[in-house]
C-alpha atoms as a PDB file:
ATOM      1  CA  MET A   1      25.094  52.848 -11.360  1.00  0.00           C
ATOM      2  CA  ASN A   2      25.775  53.563  -7.697  1.00  0.00           C
ATOM      3  CA  SER A   3      22.222  54.942  -7.375  1.00  0.00           C
ATOM      4  CA  GLU A   4      20.707  51.720  -8.741  1.00  0.00           C
ATOM      5  CA  PHE A   5      22.774  49.692  -6.293  1.00  0.00           C
ATOM      6  CA  SER A   6      21.622  51.920  -3.430  1.00  0.00           C
ATOM      7  CA  ASP A   7      18.009  51.548  -4.510  1.00  0.00           C
ATOM      8  CA  LEU A   8      18.359  47.747  -4.592  1.00  0.00           C
ATOM      9  CA  GLN A   9      20.078  47.758  -1.217  1.00  0.00           C
ATOM     10  CA  ASN A  10      17.352  49.974   0.292  1.00  0.00           C
ATOM     11  CA  ALA A  11      14.631  47.738  -1.147  1.00  0.00           C
ATOM     12  CA  TRP A  12      16.379  44.679   0.252  1.00  0.00           C
ATOM     13  CA  GLN A  13      16.692  46.324   3.703  1.00  0.00           C
ATOM     14  CA  ALA A  14      12.994  47.264   3.596  1.00  0.00           C
ATOM     15  CA  GLN A  15      12.072  43.646   2.832  1.00  0.00           C
ATOM     16  CA  ILE A  16      14.163  42.430   5.743  1.00  0.00           C
ATOM     17  CA  LYS A  17      12.432  44.902   8.086  1.00  0.00           C
ATOM     18  CA  GLU A  18       9.018  43.884   6.746  1.00  0.00           C
ATOM     19  CA  ARG A  19       9.853  40.204   7.164  1.00  0.00           C
ATOM     20  CA  ASN A  20      10.945  40.828  10.756  1.00  0.00           C
ATOM     21  CA  VAL A  21       7.644  42.590  11.451  1.00  0.00           C
ATOM     22  CA  HIS A  22       5.626  39.795   9.812  1.00  0.00           C
ATOM     23  CA  GLY A  23       8.050  37.044  10.850  1.00  0.00           C
ATOM     24  CA  SER A  24       6.312  36.193  14.080  1.00  0.00           C
ATOM     25  CA  ASN A  25       2.929  36.199  12.310  1.00  0.00           C
ATOM     26  CA  PHE A  26       4.399  34.001   9.574  1.00  0.00           C
ATOM     27  CA  GLN A  27       5.824  31.557  12.129  1.00  0.00           C
ATOM     28  CA  GLN A  28       2.473  31.472  13.900  1.00  0.00           C
ATOM     29  CA  LEU A  29       0.654  30.704  10.632  1.00  0.00           C
ATOM     30  CA  VAL A  30       3.146  27.954   9.763  1.00  0.00           C
ATOM     31  CA  ALA A  31       2.798  26.424  13.240  1.00  0.00           C
ATOM     32  CA  GLU A  32      -0.999  26.498  12.965  1.00  0.00           C
ATOM     33  CA  ILE A  33      -0.918  24.827   9.531  1.00  0.00           C
ATOM     34  CA  GLU A  34       1.490  22.140  10.735  1.00  0.00           C
ATOM     35  CA  ASN A  35      -0.715  21.474  13.770  1.00  0.00           C
ATOM     36  CA  LYS A  36      -3.821  21.067  11.587  1.00  0.00           C
ATOM     37  CA  ASN A  37      -1.929  18.836   9.145  1.00  0.00           C
ATOM     38  CA  LYS A  38      -0.735  16.621  12.018  1.00  0.00           C
ATOM     39  CA  LYS A  39      -4.307  16.319  13.304  1.00  0.00           C
ATOM     40  CA  GLY A  40      -5.497  15.362   9.818  1.00  0.00           C
ATOM     41  CA  VAL A  41      -2.828  12.707   9.355  1.00  0.00           C
ATOM     42  CA  SER A  42      -3.513  11.389  12.853  1.00  0.00           C
ATOM     43  CA  PHE A  43      -7.213  11.131  11.951  1.00  0.00           C
ATOM     44  CA  HIS A  44      -6.342   9.008   8.905  1.00  0.00           C
ATOM     45  CA  TYR A  45      -4.089   6.683  10.910  1.00  0.00           C
ATOM     46  CA  TRP A  46      -6.700   6.197  13.644  1.00  0.00           C
ATOM     47  CA  THR A  47      -9.330   5.450  11.001  1.00  0.00           C
ATOM     48  CA  VAL A  48      -7.019   2.847   9.434  1.00  0.00           C
ATOM     49  CA  LEU A  49      -6.404   1.259  12.834  1.00  0.00           C
ATOM     50  CA  ILE A  50     -10.091   1.140  13.794  1.00  0.00           C
ATOM     51  CA  LEU A  51     -11.215  -0.221  10.419  1.00  0.00           C
ATOM     52  CA  SER A  52      -8.388  -2.784  10.357  1.00  0.00           C
ATOM     53  CA  LEU A  53      -9.379  -4.043  13.813  1.00  0.00           C
ATOM     54  CA  THR A  54     -12.989  -4.197  12.639  1.00  0.00           C
ATOM     55  CA  ILE A  55     -11.957  -6.303   9.639  1.00  0.00           C
ATOM     56  CA  VAL A  56      -9.950  -8.656  11.848  1.00  0.00           C
ATOM     57  CA  GLY A  57     -12.879  -8.938  14.275  1.00  0.00           C
ATOM     58  CA  LEU A  58     -15.316  -9.552  11.437  1.00  0.00           C
ATOM     59  CA  VAL A  59     -13.171 -12.250   9.842  1.00  0.00           C
ATOM     60  CA  LEU A  60     -12.508 -13.961  13.172  1.00  0.00           C
ATOM     61  CA  PHE A  61     -16.204 -13.838  14.100  1.00  0.00           C
ATOM     62  CA  PHE A  62     -17.353 -15.391  10.849  1.00  0.00           C
ATOM     63  CA  TYR A  63     -14.529 -17.923  10.809  1.00  0.00           C
ATOM     64  CA  PHE A  64     -14.590 -19.169  14.415  1.00  0.00           C
ATOM     65  CA  LEU A  65     -17.872 -18.146  16.082  1.00  0.00           C
ATOM     66  CA  ALA A  66     -20.419 -18.095  13.303  1.00  0.00           C
ATOM     67  CA  PRO A  67     -19.032 -19.773  10.211  1.00  0.00           C
ATOM     68  CA  VAL A  68     -21.594 -19.153   7.511  1.00  0.00           C
ATOM     69  CA  GLN A  69     -22.404 -22.002   5.129  1.00  0.00           C
ATOM     70  CA  GLU A  70     -24.680 -20.492   2.489  1.00  0.00           C
ATOM     71  CA  LEU A  71     -23.192 -18.874  -0.609  1.00  0.00           C
ATOM     72  CA  LEU A  72     -25.365 -15.775  -0.129  1.00  0.00           C
ATOM     73  CA  SER A  73     -24.030 -15.352   3.410  1.00  0.00           C
ATOM     74  CA  ARG A  74     -20.435 -15.797   2.286  1.00  0.00           C
ATOM     75  CA  VAL A  75     -20.925 -13.163  -0.406  1.00  0.00           C
ATOM     76  CA  GLY A  76     -22.415 -10.922   2.282  1.00  0.00           C
ATOM     77  CA  VAL A  77     -19.367 -11.363   4.512  1.00  0.00           C
ATOM     78  CA  GLY A  78     -17.218 -10.654   1.455  1.00  0.00           C
ATOM     79  CA  PHE A  79     -19.102  -7.399   0.765  1.00  0.00           C
ATOM     80  CA  MET A  80     -18.671  -6.310   4.357  1.00  0.00           C
ATOM     81  CA  THR A  81     -14.957  -7.130   4.390  1.00  0.00           C
ATOM     82  CA  ILE A  82     -14.236  -5.672   0.944  1.00  0.00           C
ATOM     83  CA  GLY A  83     -16.080  -2.457   1.810  1.00  0.00           C
ATOM     84  CA  LEU A  84     -14.021  -1.966   4.959  1.00  0.00           C
ATOM     85  CA  ALA A  85     -10.773  -2.975   3.220  1.00  0.00           C
ATOM     86  CA  LEU A  86     -11.472  -0.479   0.431  1.00  0.00           C
ATOM     87  CA  ARG A  87     -11.906   2.249   3.021  1.00  0.00           C
ATOM     88  CA  VAL A  88      -8.619   1.232   4.702  1.00  0.00           C
ATOM     89  CA  VAL A  89      -6.796   1.540   1.357  1.00  0.00           C
ATOM     90  CA  ILE A  90      -8.386   4.948   0.740  1.00  0.00           C
ATOM     91  CA  GLU A  91      -7.399   6.181   4.208  1.00  0.00           C
ATOM     92  CA  ILE A  92      -3.806   4.965   3.767  1.00  0.00           C
ATOM     93  CA  GLY A  93      -3.683   6.799   0.418  1.00  0.00           C
ATOM     94  CA  SER A  94      -5.131   9.914   2.055  1.00  0.00           C
ATOM     95  CA  ALA A  95      -2.540   9.796   4.835  1.00  0.00           C
ATOM     96  CA  MET A  96       0.250   9.463   2.274  1.00  0.00           C
ATOM     97  CA  LYS A  97      -1.108  12.397   0.260  1.00  0.00           C
ATOM     98  CA  ALA A  98      -1.479  14.505   3.403  1.00  0.00           C
ATOM     99  CA  VAL A  99       2.098  13.773   4.496  1.00  0.00           C
ATOM    100  CA  ARG A 100       3.419  14.804   1.059  1.00  0.00           C
ATOM    101  CA  ILE A 101       1.958  18.313   1.374  1.00  0.00           C
ATOM    102  CA  ASN A 102       4.912  20.450   2.400  1.00  0.00           C
ATOM    103  CA  THR A 103       3.938  23.377   4.607  1.00  0.00           C
ATOM    104  CA  LEU A 104       7.010  25.429   3.725  1.00  0.00           C
ATOM    105  CA  ASP A 105       6.917  24.703  -0.001  1.00  0.00           C
ATOM    106  CA  THR A 106       6.231  27.677  -2.206  1.00  0.00           C
ATOM    107  CA  ALA A 107       2.926  29.056  -1.015  1.00  0.00           C
ATOM    108  CA  LEU A 108       1.225  28.720  -4.383  1.00  0.00           C
ATOM    109  CA  LYS A 109       2.371  25.121  -4.892  1.00  0.00           C
ATOM    110  CA  SER A 110       1.472  24.175  -1.325  1.00  0.00           C
ATOM    111  CA  THR A 111      -1.970  25.778  -1.548  1.00  0.00           C
ATOM    112  CA  LYS A 112      -2.637  23.959  -4.836  1.00  0.00           C
ATOM    113  CA  ALA A 113      -1.592  20.642  -3.276  1.00  0.00           C
ATOM    114  CA  THR A 114      -3.896  21.284  -0.319  1.00  0.00           C
ATOM    115  CA  LEU A 115      -6.760  22.204  -2.656  1.00  0.00           C
ATOM    116  CA  ASP A 116      -6.171  18.993  -4.640  1.00  0.00           C
ATOM    117  CA  PHE A 117      -6.194  16.998  -1.404  1.00  0.00           C
ATOM    118  CA  TYR A 118      -9.386  18.773  -0.326  1.00  0.00           C
ATOM    119  CA  LYS A 119     -11.081  17.858  -3.638  1.00  0.00           C
ATOM    120  CA  PHE A 120      -9.898  14.252  -3.284  1.00  0.00           C
ATOM    121  CA  ARG A 121     -11.300  13.993   0.246  1.00  0.00           C
ATOM    122  CA  ARG A 122     -14.633  15.485  -0.881  1.00  0.00           C
ATOM    123  CA  LYS A 123     -14.864  12.717  -3.508  1.00  0.00           C
ATOM    124  CA  VAL A 124     -13.998  10.119  -0.868  1.00  0.00           C
ATOM    125  CA  HIS A 125     -16.685  11.460   1.443  1.00  0.00           C
ATOM    126  CA  GLY A 126     -19.237  11.604  -1.350  1.00  0.00           C
ATOM    127  CA  ALA A 127     -19.902   8.634  -3.586  1.00  0.00           C
ATOM    128  CA  LEU A 128     -17.134   6.370  -2.279  1.00  0.00           C
ATOM    129  CA  THR A 129     -18.291   6.552   1.332  1.00  0.00           C
ATOM    130  CA  THR A 130     -21.879   5.942   0.260  1.00  0.00           C
ATOM    131  CA  ILE A 131     -20.824   2.899  -1.801  1.00  0.00           C
ATOM    132  CA  ILE A 132     -18.782   1.478   1.070  1.00  0.00           C
ATOM    133  CA  PHE A 133     -21.616   2.098   3.537  1.00  0.00           C
ATOM    134  CA  GLY A 134     -24.026   0.437   1.111  1.00  0.00           C
ATOM    135  CA  LEU A 135     -21.742  -2.580   0.547  1.00  0.00           C
ATOM    136  CA  TYR A 136     -21.471  -3.162   4.266  1.00  0.00           C
ATOM    137  CA  SER A 137     -25.232  -2.865   4.787  1.00  0.00           C
ATOM    138  CA  ILE A 138     -26.092  -5.106   1.840  1.00  0.00           C
ATOM    139  CA  GLY A 139     -23.533  -7.644   3.079  1.00  0.00           C
ATOM    140  CA  PHE A 140     -25.118  -7.647   6.534  1.00  0.00           C
ATOM    141  CA  PHE A 141     -28.605  -8.222   5.190  1.00  0.00           C
ATOM    142  CA  MET A 142     -27.325 -10.989   2.896  1.00  0.00           C
ATOM    143  CA  ILE A 143     -26.253 -12.874   6.018  1.00  0.00           C
ATOM    144  CA  SER A 144     -29.676 -12.484   7.672  1.00  0.00           C
ATOM    145  CA  PRO A 145     -31.404 -15.376   5.835  1.00  0.00           C
ATOM    146  CA  GLU A 146     -28.852 -17.866   7.150  1.00  0.00           C
ATOM    147  CA  PHE A 147     -28.987 -16.379  10.642  1.00  0.00           C
ATOM    148  CA  SER A 148     -32.781 -16.778  10.563  1.00  0.00           C
ATOM    149  CA  LEU A 149     -32.206 -20.551  10.511  1.00  0.00           C
ATOM    150  CA  TYR A 150     -30.604 -20.344  13.957  1.00  0.00           C
ATOM    151  CA  PHE A 151     -32.463 -17.463  15.618  1.00  0.00           C
ATOM    152  CA  GLU A 152     -36.100 -16.898  16.438  1.00  0.00           C
ATOM    153  CA  LEU A 153     -38.071 -14.200  14.617  1.00  0.00           C
ATOM    154  CA  TRP A 154     -37.956 -11.732  17.495  1.00  0.00           C
ATOM    155  CA  GLN A 155     -34.165 -12.136  17.713  1.00  0.00           C
ATOM    156  CA  MET A 156     -33.823 -11.487  13.983  1.00  0.00           C
ATOM    157  CA  ILE A 157     -36.000  -8.386  14.242  1.00  0.00           C
ATOM    158  CA  LEU A 158     -33.941  -7.189  17.214  1.00  0.00           C
ATOM    159  CA  MET A 159     -30.691  -7.837  15.343  1.00  0.00           C
ATOM    160  CA  ASP A 160     -31.850  -6.085  12.146  1.00  0.00           C
ATOM    161  CA  VAL A 161     -33.363  -3.104  13.978  1.00  0.00           C
ATOM    162  CA  SER A 162     -30.201  -2.817  16.103  1.00  0.00           C
ATOM    163  CA  PHE A 163     -28.109  -2.858  12.946  1.00  0.00           C
ATOM    164  CA  VAL A 164     -30.159  -0.024  11.437  1.00  0.00           C
ATOM    165  CA  ILE A 165     -29.887   2.034  14.641  1.00  0.00           C
ATOM    166  CA  ILE A 166     -26.146   1.405  14.967  1.00  0.00           C
ATOM    167  CA  MET A 167     -25.578   2.294  11.309  1.00  0.00           C
ATOM    168  CA  ALA A 168     -27.608   5.498  11.781  1.00  0.00           C
ATOM    169  CA  VAL A 169     -25.471   6.466  14.791  1.00  0.00           C
ATOM    170  CA  ILE A 170     -22.279   5.642  12.886  1.00  0.00           C
ATOM    171  CA  TYR A 171     -23.536   7.658   9.907  1.00  0.00           C
ATOM    172  CA  VAL A 172     -24.254  10.709  12.095  1.00  0.00           C
ATOM    173  CA  GLN A 173     -20.847  10.442  13.776  1.00  0.00           C
ATOM    174  CA  MET A 174     -19.167   9.912  10.426  1.00  0.00           C
ATOM    175  CA  ARG A 175     -20.857  13.023   8.961  1.00  0.00           C
ATOM    176  CA  LYS A 176     -19.720  15.011  11.984  1.00  0.00           C
ATOM    177  CA  GLY A 177     -16.152  13.785  11.479  1.00  0.00           C
ATOM    178  CA  ILE A 178     -16.343  14.598   7.769  1.00  0.00           C
ATOM    179  CA  ARG A 179     -17.557  18.142   8.520  1.00  0.00           C
ATOM    180  CA  ASN A 180     -14.707  18.599  11.002  1.00  0.00           C
ATOM    181  CA  GLU A 181     -12.148  17.310   8.492  1.00  0.00           C
ATOM    182  CA  MET A 182     -13.484  19.539   5.701  1.00  0.00           C
ATOM    183  CA  LYS A 183     -13.474  22.553   8.051  1.00  0.00           C
ATOM    184  CA  MET A 184      -9.902  21.813   9.069  1.00  0.00           C
ATOM    185  CA  LEU A 185      -8.807  21.526   5.424  1.00  0.00           C
ATOM    186  CA  GLU A 186     -10.617  24.786   4.596  1.00  0.00           C
ATOM    187  CA  ASP A 187      -8.823  26.456   7.535  1.00  0.00           C
ATOM    188  CA  VAL A 188      -5.460  25.201   6.250  1.00  0.00           C
ATOM    189  CA  ILE A 189      -6.232  26.602   2.788  1.00  0.00           C
ATOM    190  CA  VAL A 190      -7.152  29.988   4.288  1.00  0.00           C
ATOM    191  CA  LEU A 191      -3.970  30.014   6.401  1.00  0.00           C
ATOM    192  CA  LYS A 192      -1.837  29.135   3.377  1.00  0.00           C
ATOM    193  CA  LYS A 193      -3.426  31.937   1.398  1.00  0.00           C
ATOM    194  CA  GLU A 194      -2.588  34.289   4.279  1.00  0.00           C
ATOM    195  CA  ILE A 195       1.031  33.126   4.059  1.00  0.00           C
ATOM    196  CA  GLU A 196       1.029  33.982   0.351  1.00  0.00           C
ATOM    197  CA  GLN A 197       0.219  37.563   1.347  1.00  0.00           C
ATOM    198  CA  VAL A 198       2.865  37.825   4.099  1.00  0.00           C
END
């Protein structure tokens, strides 16, 4: 009996020594994960802020500066606004999910939660982003016929070509941001798997 107790005590002491050796590495991994999580949540909040300001600007523009009269144009403005509002809701949900992931939870549970979040964000960046991008673009071009009543042909061409160029630039920047976010989430998953082994 005394031998079993000694064996348990020795095993416990060995674990304490091993934890002290790996403790600084563990703390470093936890700090790195928390830093990446904070950056991710910050990204979501900034996206919500920017899109919300865009919605406000869009609504104010079409209410005060260029109130559209045609039904097609109003539907177009609705598509643009609904697309952006949908993205705001998705980003708020993403931020809430990201905040709920506990870094110091059991490693397996935390890694699974991060993997689930990663899968969710991949879906958001796939079909949902394409649908929202499409809604906004369709909405813009639905407004064009009414604008053509007030602008000359060359101005309409300039406006439509500018829209395409701006959307292409936004798309490239958005893809870059998506790649960075996915890389950061992949890094967090790798770090959490390292913690499982410490």
